[in-house]
N, C-alpha and C. Protein backbone atom coordinates (compact mmCIF):
# COMPACT_ATOMS: atom_id res chain seq x y z
N MET A 1 -20.41 45.23 -30.46
CA MET A 1 -20.76 44.50 -30.09
C MET A 1 -19.76 43.38 -30.87
N ALA A 2 -20.02 42.06 -30.63
CA ALA A 2 -19.39 40.72 -31.00
C ALA A 2 -19.60 40.19 -32.11
N ASP A 3 -18.58 39.62 -32.82
CA ASP A 3 -19.15 38.74 -34.32
C ASP A 3 -19.78 37.74 -34.10
N PRO A 4 -20.78 37.35 -34.93
CA PRO A 4 -21.55 36.19 -34.35
C PRO A 4 -20.68 35.28 -34.40
N LYS A 5 -19.45 35.09 -35.35
CA LYS A 5 -18.58 34.19 -35.71
C LYS A 5 -17.76 33.44 -34.87
N SER A 6 -17.23 34.51 -34.02
CA SER A 6 -16.34 34.42 -33.12
C SER A 6 -17.35 34.35 -32.09
N LEU A 7 -18.25 34.71 -31.48
CA LEU A 7 -18.88 34.22 -30.30
C LEU A 7 -19.57 32.69 -30.39
N THR A 8 -19.52 32.00 -31.37
CA THR A 8 -20.37 30.28 -31.58
C THR A 8 -18.97 30.20 -31.15
N GLN A 9 -17.79 30.26 -31.79
CA GLN A 9 -16.42 29.56 -31.52
C GLN A 9 -16.23 29.85 -29.68
N SER A 10 -16.38 30.81 -29.71
CA SER A 10 -16.03 31.12 -27.84
C SER A 10 -16.60 30.18 -27.41
N LEU A 11 -18.24 30.30 -27.40
CA LEU A 11 -19.23 29.05 -26.78
C LEU A 11 -18.68 27.75 -26.68
N ARG A 12 -18.44 27.47 -28.17
CA ARG A 12 -18.38 25.85 -28.41
C ARG A 12 -16.85 25.64 -28.00
N ALA A 13 -15.81 26.57 -27.79
CA ALA A 13 -14.91 26.55 -26.96
C ALA A 13 -14.85 26.07 -25.66
N HIS A 14 -15.62 27.00 -24.80
CA HIS A 14 -16.13 26.92 -23.79
C HIS A 14 -16.99 25.60 -23.15
N ALA A 15 -17.67 24.84 -24.01
CA ALA A 15 -18.46 24.09 -24.48
C ALA A 15 -17.80 22.80 -23.82
N ALA A 16 -16.70 22.71 -24.78
CA ALA A 16 -15.41 21.90 -24.83
C ALA A 16 -15.11 21.16 -23.37
N ASN A 17 -14.79 23.03 -23.15
CA ASN A 17 -13.76 22.87 -21.57
C ASN A 17 -14.61 22.06 -20.24
N ILE A 18 -15.38 22.45 -20.95
CA ILE A 18 -16.81 22.11 -19.35
C ILE A 18 -16.78 20.60 -19.78
N LEU A 19 -17.33 20.35 -20.97
CA LEU A 19 -17.45 18.36 -20.84
C LEU A 19 -16.11 17.87 -20.59
N GLY A 20 -15.24 18.56 -20.72
CA GLY A 20 -13.55 17.98 -20.82
C GLY A 20 -13.32 17.28 -19.55
N GLU A 21 -13.84 18.68 -18.75
CA GLU A 21 -13.63 18.47 -17.30
C GLU A 21 -14.16 17.62 -16.59
N SER A 22 -15.82 17.80 -17.53
CA SER A 22 -16.95 16.78 -16.28
C SER A 22 -16.31 15.47 -16.90
N GLU A 23 -15.94 14.81 -18.13
CA GLU A 23 -15.67 14.05 -18.20
C GLU A 23 -14.42 13.25 -17.27
N ASP A 24 -13.73 13.91 -17.22
CA ASP A 24 -12.20 13.95 -16.23
C ASP A 24 -12.84 13.86 -15.17
N SER A 25 -13.46 14.67 -14.22
CA SER A 25 -13.66 14.31 -13.11
C SER A 25 -14.69 13.13 -12.96
N THR A 26 -15.45 13.03 -13.64
CA THR A 26 -16.44 12.13 -14.00
C THR A 26 -15.44 10.25 -13.62
N THR A 27 -14.42 10.54 -14.49
CA THR A 27 -13.55 9.45 -14.35
C THR A 27 -12.98 9.03 -13.62
N GLN A 28 -12.49 10.16 -12.69
CA GLN A 28 -11.48 10.23 -11.99
C GLN A 28 -12.27 9.63 -10.48
N ALA A 29 -13.51 10.38 -10.63
CA ALA A 29 -14.65 9.59 -9.33
C ALA A 29 -14.83 8.42 -9.54
N LEU A 30 -14.70 7.74 -10.49
CA LEU A 30 -15.00 6.13 -10.94
C LEU A 30 -13.62 5.85 -10.46
N LEU A 31 -12.68 6.13 -11.14
CA LEU A 31 -11.59 5.09 -10.18
C LEU A 31 -11.20 5.32 -9.19
N ARG A 32 -11.74 6.45 -8.25
CA ARG A 32 -11.55 6.46 -6.74
C ARG A 32 -12.53 5.36 -6.29
N ALA A 33 -13.65 5.57 -7.12
CA ALA A 33 -14.67 4.51 -6.43
C ALA A 33 -14.29 3.17 -6.47
N CYS A 34 -13.25 2.72 -7.69
CA CYS A 34 -13.27 1.66 -7.60
C CYS A 34 -11.96 1.07 -6.89
N GLU A 35 -10.90 2.20 -6.61
CA GLU A 35 -9.90 2.14 -5.51
C GLU A 35 -10.37 1.72 -3.87
N ARG A 36 -11.18 2.60 -3.76
CA ARG A 36 -11.78 2.54 -2.76
C ARG A 36 -12.90 1.18 -1.98
N VAL A 37 -13.53 0.53 -3.18
CA VAL A 37 -13.65 -0.37 -2.98
C VAL A 37 -12.96 -1.56 -3.44
N LEU A 38 -12.05 -1.90 -3.81
CA LEU A 38 -10.71 -2.78 -3.86
C LEU A 38 -10.13 -2.80 -2.49
N LEU A 39 -9.71 -1.68 -2.02
CA LEU A 39 -9.42 -1.79 -0.85
C LEU A 39 -10.12 -2.26 0.85
N VAL A 40 -11.24 -2.24 0.11
CA VAL A 40 -12.56 -2.53 1.29
C VAL A 40 -11.79 -4.38 1.20
N VAL A 41 -11.89 -4.55 -0.06
CA VAL A 41 -12.14 -5.87 -0.29
C VAL A 41 -10.82 -6.74 0.16
N VAL A 42 -9.63 -5.66 -0.32
CA VAL A 42 -8.25 -6.43 0.27
C VAL A 42 -8.53 -6.78 1.79
N ALA A 43 -8.74 -5.32 2.79
CA ALA A 43 -8.92 -5.21 3.97
C ALA A 43 -9.85 -6.63 4.23
N GLY A 44 -11.21 -6.73 3.69
CA GLY A 44 -11.74 -7.60 4.30
C GLY A 44 -11.22 -9.13 4.04
N LEU A 45 -10.32 -9.39 2.64
CA LEU A 45 -9.76 -10.75 2.32
C LEU A 45 -8.70 -10.88 3.66
N THR A 46 -8.03 -9.79 3.74
CA THR A 46 -6.84 -10.18 5.18
C THR A 46 -7.58 -10.69 6.24
N LEU A 47 -8.52 -9.70 6.87
CA LEU A 47 -9.72 -10.01 7.82
C LEU A 47 -9.93 -11.35 8.07
N LEU A 48 -10.27 -11.74 6.94
CA LEU A 48 -11.25 -13.27 6.77
C LEU A 48 -9.77 -14.24 6.40
N ALA A 49 -8.45 -13.84 5.93
CA ALA A 49 -7.37 -14.92 6.39
C ALA A 49 -7.03 -14.94 7.86
N ALA A 50 -6.45 -13.80 8.64
CA ALA A 50 -6.42 -13.64 9.55
C ALA A 50 -7.45 -14.18 10.65
N GLY A 51 -8.69 -14.61 10.61
CA GLY A 51 -9.42 -15.01 11.37
C GLY A 51 -9.15 -16.36 11.15
N SER A 52 -9.24 -16.85 9.70
CA SER A 52 -8.57 -18.39 9.43
C SER A 52 -7.74 -18.75 10.48
N GLU A 53 -6.22 -17.97 9.89
CA GLU A 53 -5.32 -18.72 10.76
C GLU A 53 -5.96 -18.65 12.82
N LEU A 54 -6.41 -17.43 12.47
CA LEU A 54 -6.77 -17.76 14.52
C LEU A 54 -7.19 -19.26 14.50
N VAL A 55 -8.47 -19.17 13.97
CA VAL A 55 -9.51 -20.70 14.13
C VAL A 55 -8.08 -21.72 14.04
N ALA A 56 -7.17 -21.98 13.18
CA ALA A 56 -6.07 -22.65 13.04
C ALA A 56 -5.32 -23.26 14.14
N ILE A 57 -4.69 -21.57 14.36
CA ILE A 57 -4.02 -21.74 15.93
C ILE A 57 -4.81 -22.29 17.31
N VAL A 58 -5.96 -21.72 17.30
CA VAL A 58 -6.93 -22.43 18.41
C VAL A 58 -7.12 -24.15 18.14
N ARG A 59 -7.39 -24.41 16.89
CA ARG A 59 -7.64 -26.60 16.82
C ARG A 59 -6.17 -26.62 16.75
N SER A 60 -5.54 -26.11 16.93
CA SER A 60 -4.07 -26.79 16.75
C SER A 60 -3.51 -26.65 18.36
N GLY A 61 -3.77 -25.35 19.09
CA GLY A 61 -3.31 -25.68 20.76
C GLY A 61 -2.49 -24.96 20.79
N SER A 62 -1.75 -24.93 19.64
CA SER A 62 0.26 -23.91 19.93
C SER A 62 0.54 -22.97 19.00
N ILE A 63 1.07 -21.69 19.51
CA ILE A 63 1.24 -20.51 18.40
C ILE A 63 2.97 -21.16 17.99
N SER A 64 2.66 -20.57 17.05
CA SER A 64 4.63 -20.90 16.65
C SER A 64 4.85 -19.36 16.13
N LEU A 65 6.55 -19.39 15.93
CA LEU A 65 6.64 -17.84 15.58
C LEU A 65 6.03 -17.87 14.20
N ALA A 66 5.66 -18.61 13.02
CA ALA A 66 5.92 -18.51 11.94
C ALA A 66 3.93 -18.21 12.00
N ASP A 67 3.01 -18.52 12.65
CA ASP A 67 2.08 -18.31 13.02
C ASP A 67 1.82 -16.41 13.23
N LEU A 68 3.00 -16.25 14.52
CA LEU A 68 3.44 -15.09 14.77
C LEU A 68 3.14 -13.51 13.85
N LEU A 69 4.21 -14.53 13.08
CA LEU A 69 4.94 -13.63 11.55
C LEU A 69 3.43 -13.76 10.70
N LEU A 70 3.11 -14.53 10.80
CA LEU A 70 1.82 -14.04 9.25
C LEU A 70 1.15 -13.30 10.26
N MET A 71 0.60 -13.30 11.45
CA MET A 71 -0.60 -12.55 11.62
C MET A 71 0.21 -10.88 12.21
N PHE A 72 1.17 -10.75 11.73
CA PHE A 72 1.87 -9.47 11.64
C PHE A 72 1.77 -9.37 10.01
N LEU A 73 2.06 -10.25 9.08
CA LEU A 73 2.00 -9.49 7.81
C LEU A 73 0.33 -9.08 7.75
N TYR A 74 -0.26 -9.84 8.16
CA TYR A 74 -1.86 -8.97 8.28
C TYR A 74 -2.31 -7.83 8.74
N THR A 75 -1.66 -7.74 10.06
CA THR A 75 -1.59 -6.64 10.77
C THR A 75 -0.91 -5.11 9.75
N GLU A 76 0.19 -5.38 8.87
CA GLU A 76 0.39 -3.99 8.27
C GLU A 76 0.10 -4.37 6.91
N VAL A 77 -1.06 -5.21 6.43
CA VAL A 77 -1.73 -4.46 5.26
C VAL A 77 -2.56 -4.12 5.45
N VAL A 78 -3.59 -4.15 6.83
CA VAL A 78 -4.46 -3.70 6.82
C VAL A 78 -4.17 -2.41 7.76
N GLY A 79 -2.95 -2.10 8.45
CA GLY A 79 -2.79 -0.90 8.47
C GLY A 79 -2.28 -0.15 7.63
N MET A 80 -1.57 -1.02 6.59
CA MET A 80 -1.44 0.06 5.30
C MET A 80 -2.43 0.57 4.68
N VAL A 81 -4.24 -0.46 4.31
CA VAL A 81 -5.03 0.61 3.94
C VAL A 81 -5.40 1.39 5.11
N ALA A 82 -5.54 1.68 5.99
CA ALA A 82 -6.28 1.94 7.46
C ALA A 82 -5.04 3.58 7.14
N VAL A 83 -3.62 3.60 6.60
CA VAL A 83 -2.94 4.44 6.49
C VAL A 83 -3.38 5.29 5.12
N TYR A 84 -3.80 4.75 3.73
CA TYR A 84 -4.62 5.09 3.08
C TYR A 84 -5.37 5.83 2.76
N TYR A 85 -6.19 5.26 3.80
CA TYR A 85 -8.07 5.72 4.04
C TYR A 85 -7.77 6.86 4.48
N ALA A 86 -6.88 7.22 5.47
CA ALA A 86 -6.73 8.66 6.52
C ALA A 86 -6.21 9.53 5.91
N SER A 87 -5.49 9.06 4.99
CA SER A 87 -4.39 10.40 4.08
C SER A 87 -4.02 10.67 2.85
N ARG A 88 -4.69 9.49 2.20
CA ARG A 88 -4.98 9.20 0.71
C ARG A 88 -3.88 8.94 0.27
N GLN A 89 -2.71 8.94 0.44
CA GLN A 89 -1.38 8.10 0.19
C GLN A 89 -1.27 7.00 0.74
N THR A 90 -0.14 6.41 0.26
CA THR A 90 0.25 4.88 0.54
C THR A 90 1.94 5.45 0.86
N PRO A 91 2.17 5.06 2.07
CA PRO A 91 3.38 5.76 2.96
C PRO A 91 4.39 4.81 1.78
N VAL A 92 5.67 4.22 0.88
CA VAL A 92 6.11 3.48 1.11
C VAL A 92 7.00 2.60 1.73
N VAL A 93 7.46 2.91 2.79
CA VAL A 93 7.75 2.49 4.39
C VAL A 93 7.33 1.01 4.32
N TYR A 94 5.51 1.29 4.42
CA TYR A 94 4.83 0.49 4.82
C TYR A 94 4.92 -1.11 3.88
N PRO A 95 5.08 -1.68 2.47
CA PRO A 95 5.32 -2.33 1.69
C PRO A 95 6.85 -2.86 2.26
N ILE A 96 7.76 -2.01 2.45
CA ILE A 96 8.89 -2.28 2.59
C ILE A 96 8.79 -3.22 4.43
N PHE A 97 8.14 -2.80 4.92
CA PHE A 97 7.90 -3.37 5.80
C PHE A 97 7.38 -4.92 6.06
N ILE A 98 6.25 -4.65 4.68
CA ILE A 98 5.75 -5.89 4.56
C ILE A 98 6.47 -7.01 3.97
N ALA A 99 7.45 -6.73 3.24
CA ALA A 99 8.40 -7.46 2.64
C ALA A 99 9.42 -8.08 3.46
N ILE A 100 9.75 -7.07 4.60
CA ILE A 100 10.57 -7.57 5.62
C ILE A 100 10.19 -8.55 6.38
N THR A 101 8.91 -8.47 6.93
CA THR A 101 8.20 -9.50 7.62
C THR A 101 7.90 -11.08 7.18
N ALA A 102 7.44 -10.47 5.33
CA ALA A 102 7.56 -11.68 4.55
C ALA A 102 8.57 -12.97 4.69
N VAL A 103 9.95 -11.46 4.40
CA VAL A 103 11.66 -12.12 4.36
C VAL A 103 11.84 -13.16 5.72
N ALA A 104 11.71 -12.34 6.46
CA ALA A 104 11.91 -12.78 7.83
C ALA A 104 11.01 -14.20 8.23
N ARG A 105 9.90 -14.58 7.39
CA ARG A 105 8.73 -15.18 7.80
C ARG A 105 9.13 -16.96 7.14
N LEU A 106 9.73 -16.61 5.72
CA LEU A 106 10.13 -17.33 5.09
C LEU A 106 11.71 -18.08 5.94
N LEU A 107 12.61 -17.22 6.09
CA LEU A 107 13.46 -17.33 7.14
C LEU A 107 13.40 -18.37 7.70
N VAL A 108 12.83 -18.17 8.59
CA VAL A 108 12.28 -18.51 9.96
C VAL A 108 11.58 -20.25 9.49
N LEU A 109 10.89 -19.92 8.47
CA LEU A 109 10.14 -21.71 8.31
C LEU A 109 11.06 -22.30 7.41
N GLN A 110 11.89 -21.93 6.36
CA GLN A 110 12.92 -22.51 5.87
C GLN A 110 14.28 -23.08 6.60
N SER A 111 14.54 -22.21 7.55
CA SER A 111 15.87 -21.70 7.42
C SER A 111 16.75 -23.06 8.02
N LYS A 112 15.66 -24.44 8.20
CA LYS A 112 16.47 -25.75 9.26
C LYS A 112 16.87 -26.53 7.68
N ASP A 113 16.13 -26.38 6.33
CA ASP A 113 16.54 -27.24 5.19
C ASP A 113 17.21 -25.96 4.57
N MET A 114 17.76 -24.55 5.09
CA MET A 114 18.54 -23.87 3.94
C MET A 114 20.01 -24.37 3.85
N SER A 115 20.93 -23.61 2.93
CA SER A 115 22.60 -23.91 2.90
C SER A 115 22.80 -22.56 3.50
N PRO A 116 24.04 -22.56 4.45
CA PRO A 116 24.03 -21.66 5.21
C PRO A 116 24.58 -20.02 4.40
N GLU A 117 24.37 -20.06 3.59
CA GLU A 117 24.59 -18.95 2.25
C GLU A 117 23.60 -18.30 2.28
N LYS A 118 22.46 -19.03 1.88
CA LYS A 118 21.58 -18.75 1.75
C LYS A 118 20.73 -18.45 2.64
N ILE A 119 20.90 -18.87 3.48
CA ILE A 119 20.02 -17.75 4.82
C ILE A 119 21.18 -16.41 5.61
N LEU A 120 22.08 -16.47 4.65
CA LEU A 120 23.04 -15.17 5.11
C LEU A 120 22.40 -13.97 3.60
N PHE A 121 22.31 -14.81 2.46
CA PHE A 121 21.50 -13.69 1.48
C PHE A 121 20.47 -13.69 2.04
N GLU A 122 19.33 -14.30 2.44
CA GLU A 122 18.10 -13.81 3.10
C GLU A 122 18.59 -12.63 4.52
N ALA A 123 19.00 -13.07 5.06
CA ALA A 123 19.78 -11.82 6.35
C ALA A 123 20.03 -10.76 5.64
N GLY A 124 20.80 -10.74 4.62
CA GLY A 124 21.19 -9.73 3.89
C GLY A 124 20.32 -8.84 2.85
N ALA A 125 18.98 -9.99 2.45
CA ALA A 125 18.15 -9.12 2.01
C ALA A 125 17.28 -7.76 3.27
N ILE A 126 17.05 -9.15 4.28
CA ILE A 126 15.87 -8.11 5.51
C ILE A 126 17.17 -6.90 5.73
N VAL A 127 18.58 -6.88 6.13
CA VAL A 127 18.91 -5.45 6.20
C VAL A 127 19.00 -4.48 4.91
N LEU A 128 19.11 -5.42 3.97
CA LEU A 128 19.16 -4.12 3.10
C LEU A 128 17.85 -3.84 2.85
N LEU A 129 16.88 -4.41 3.19
CA LEU A 129 15.26 -3.69 2.99
C LEU A 129 14.98 -2.74 4.20
N ALA A 130 15.68 -2.78 5.43
CA ALA A 130 15.94 -1.99 6.38
C ALA A 130 16.37 -0.86 6.52
N LEU A 131 17.60 -1.30 5.62
CA LEU A 131 18.25 0.16 5.48
C LEU A 131 17.09 1.35 4.08
N ALA A 132 17.09 0.44 3.06
CA ALA A 132 15.80 1.18 2.38
C ALA A 132 14.97 1.78 3.30
N ALA A 133 14.11 1.31 3.82
CA ALA A 133 13.12 2.23 4.69
C ALA A 133 13.61 3.16 5.61
N ALA A 134 14.89 2.73 6.38
CA ALA A 134 15.49 4.23 6.97
C ALA A 134 16.11 5.28 5.99
N ILE A 135 16.15 4.96 4.72
CA ILE A 135 16.51 6.33 3.81
C ILE A 135 15.66 6.56 3.39
N MET A 136 14.31 6.16 3.30
CA MET A 136 13.08 6.67 2.49
C MET A 136 12.36 7.45 3.95
N ARG A 137 12.38 6.99 5.12
CA ARG A 137 12.06 7.70 6.29
C ARG A 137 12.59 8.68 6.48
N ALA A 138 13.86 9.27 6.36
CA ALA A 138 14.61 10.26 6.24
C ALA A 138 14.42 11.06 5.47
N ALA A 139 14.81 10.55 4.02
CA ALA A 139 14.33 11.51 3.15
C ALA A 139 12.91 11.97 3.06
N GLY A 140 11.61 11.94 3.43
CA GLY A 140 10.17 12.14 3.86
C GLY A 140 10.69 13.04 5.30
N HIS A 141 10.96 12.91 5.90
CA HIS A 141 11.55 13.67 7.21
C HIS A 141 11.94 14.89 6.41
N SER A 142 13.05 14.86 6.15
CA SER A 142 13.71 15.81 5.54
C SER A 142 13.00 17.16 4.29
N ALA A 143 12.14 16.27 3.55
CA ALA A 143 11.23 16.79 2.38
C ALA A 143 10.32 17.50 3.22
N GLY A 144 9.59 16.98 4.32
CA GLY A 144 8.75 17.78 5.12
C GLY A 144 9.28 19.57 5.62
N LYS A 145 10.56 18.64 6.30
CA LYS A 145 10.92 19.83 7.73
C LYS A 145 11.10 21.20 5.57
N SER A 146 12.14 20.53 4.27
CA SER A 146 11.95 21.42 3.37
C SER A 146 10.97 22.51 3.25
N ARG A 147 9.86 21.44 3.42
CA ARG A 147 8.28 22.20 2.87
C ARG A 147 8.02 23.59 3.36
N GLU A 148 8.34 23.24 5.37
CA GLU A 148 7.92 23.69 6.02
C GLU A 148 8.89 25.40 5.64
N LYS A 149 10.09 24.83 5.49
CA LYS A 149 10.53 26.58 5.25
C LYS A 149 10.26 27.10 4.65
């Protein structure tokens, strides 16, 4: 028969394990719920901003390249939220695409008032971001292939 003292210690350790795991899983569930709520807020606010932009376009009666690039930014943010909901992962490439579009929009809007050097620097930033996206995508594909083997 087991010693009552060791049995008590074993039960306490087991209870601590159960309570600890329960606390961790509760914390994780709470964090996931907060994350989902914030993602819904981000998607909702992005859709509101896109709607506001569409109203402004209709009121002005014209569509500029800057308006289209802004709509692409909104689309990419909503796409990133959708991909996260579908796969529970945020691909690193999406924020890079958003950065490329944002820099391109900035370049389009401000290029008339910029010095040629600054335009080249911003164009170089776009090229650098595009290379980073290509490298990240290639690394992701090669990592997927090595996992299949």
